Structure formats: structure tokens, C-alpha cells
Amino acid sequence: MRAELQRIGSTLTPRDIMNRLDLQNCEGCHLGGAHLGEGLVFPRALIDAHITPNGISPALQDVFAPNRARVLHDFLVFGTPPPAHVN
């Protein structure tokens, strides 16, 4: 895999690719904090939920909720259709 990544000029490592694959399941999100290559780090969730009696996860507070609010705002104010997938 490393040779193919180098061949196409990617700066990603095989570990970056595996971390990106792991994010496609619940565990990937809830473990969070994974380095995804190219300076990207997946936001952290709480251990077993995004919302607990003690607060909300950094992922929900800093990434998911603001992005969803922006999508909703753009839809309501500008009529911009939401994307097929919203994180």
C-alpha cells in the first residue's frame, strides 16, 4: 500500500488509510482523536456517547453541531439544498 500511495503522490501513510477506514463504524468515532493524515485529526467523542449528564463531546460541540447548524441555516436562509451526507 505504501508504494501505491507514493506512486500517486499521496502524503498519506497506510496507518492514515486504516484510521480513515476505522471511522466508518461506531468504534472509530467513539475512540476518536485518530490522525487521518494531511494534518487532519478526527474529533473526540466521549467514551460511549456524545451526550452524557456531564456534558457533550468535543466532536459534537466543536464539529458536528456547528456544521449541522450551518447546513440548516443555509437551507432556511438561502434555500441551499442540504448535502446528501452531513456529519
Protein backbone atom coordinates (compact mmCIF):
# COMPACT_ATOMS: atom_id res chain seq x y z
CA MET A 1 0.00 0.00 0.00
CA ARG A 2 2.84 2.40 0.84
CA ALA A 3 4.32 2.03 -2.64
CA GLU A 4 0.98 2.79 -4.30
CA LEU A 5 0.45 5.85 -2.09
CA GLN A 6 3.91 7.09 -3.04
CA ARG A 7 3.30 6.32 -6.71
CA ILE A 8 0.21 8.53 -6.81
CA GLY A 9 1.96 11.30 -4.87
CA SER A 10 -0.12 10.98 -1.71
CA THR A 11 1.26 12.12 1.63
CA LEU A 12 -0.98 9.62 3.43
CA THR A 13 0.51 6.63 5.20
CA PRO A 14 -1.01 3.15 5.36
CA ARG A 15 -1.91 3.92 9.02
CA ASP A 16 -3.78 7.07 7.87
CA ILE A 17 -5.80 4.94 5.45
CA MET A 18 -6.57 2.37 8.14
CA ASN A 19 -7.62 5.11 10.58
CA ARG A 20 -9.97 6.54 7.94
CA LEU A 21 -11.47 3.09 7.41
CA ASP A 22 -11.94 2.61 11.16
CA LEU A 23 -14.05 5.78 11.31
CA GLN A 24 -16.76 4.06 9.29
CA ASN A 25 -18.02 2.22 12.37
CA CYS A 26 -19.18 3.24 15.84
CA GLU A 27 -15.88 2.40 17.49
CA GLY A 28 -13.91 4.64 15.16
CA CYS A 29 -15.97 7.66 16.10
CA HIS A 30 -16.17 6.95 19.79
CA LEU A 31 -12.47 6.31 20.18
CA GLY A 32 -11.82 9.47 18.15
CA GLY A 33 -8.68 11.53 18.09
CA ALA A 34 -7.28 9.48 15.22
CA HIS A 35 -4.72 11.11 12.98
CA LEU A 36 -6.04 10.92 9.42
CA GLY A 37 -3.06 12.34 7.56
CA GLU A 38 -2.57 15.73 5.92
CA GLY A 39 -2.96 17.44 9.30
CA LEU A 40 -6.47 16.09 9.93
CA VAL A 41 -7.39 14.67 13.34
CA PHE A 42 -10.85 13.19 13.88
CA PRO A 43 -12.65 14.93 16.77
CA ARG A 44 -13.07 13.10 20.04
CA ALA A 45 -16.37 11.73 21.25
CA LEU A 46 -16.99 10.63 24.81
CA ILE A 47 -16.29 7.01 25.62
CA ASP A 48 -19.76 5.65 24.92
CA ALA A 49 -21.90 8.59 23.84
CA HIS A 50 -21.81 12.15 22.54
CA ILE A 51 -24.18 13.35 25.26
CA THR A 52 -23.97 12.49 28.97
CA PRO A 53 -25.34 14.10 32.13
CA ASN A 54 -21.94 15.78 32.48
CA GLY A 55 -21.91 17.43 29.07
CA ILE A 56 -21.40 16.89 25.37
CA SER A 57 -18.42 15.56 23.49
CA PRO A 58 -15.87 17.83 21.81
CA ALA A 59 -16.85 16.21 18.50
CA LEU A 60 -20.48 17.23 18.90
CA GLN A 61 -19.72 20.66 20.34
CA ASP A 62 -16.91 21.70 18.01
CA VAL A 63 -17.65 19.86 14.75
CA PHE A 64 -20.99 18.09 14.28
CA ALA A 65 -23.45 20.61 15.80
CA PRO A 66 -21.87 23.71 14.21
CA ASN A 67 -21.77 22.02 10.80
CA ARG A 68 -25.37 20.89 11.06
CA ALA A 69 -26.41 24.38 12.19
CA ARG A 70 -24.65 25.87 9.15
CA VAL A 71 -26.39 23.43 6.80
CA LEU A 72 -29.78 24.22 8.37
CA HIS A 73 -29.10 27.98 8.26
CA ASP A 74 -28.09 27.84 4.60
CA PHE A 75 -31.22 25.84 3.80
CA LEU A 76 -33.59 28.16 5.65
CA VAL A 77 -31.99 31.47 4.64
CA PHE A 78 -30.65 30.78 1.16
CA GLY A 79 -32.61 27.71 0.08
CA THR A 80 -29.38 25.79 -0.39
CA PRO A 81 -30.22 22.08 -0.55
CA PRO A 82 -28.51 20.08 2.17
CA PRO A 83 -25.76 17.71 1.06
CA ALA A 84 -26.53 14.01 0.74
CA HIS A 85 -24.45 13.39 3.89
CA VAL A 86 -23.99 15.75 6.80
CA ASN A 87 -21.62 14.85 9.62
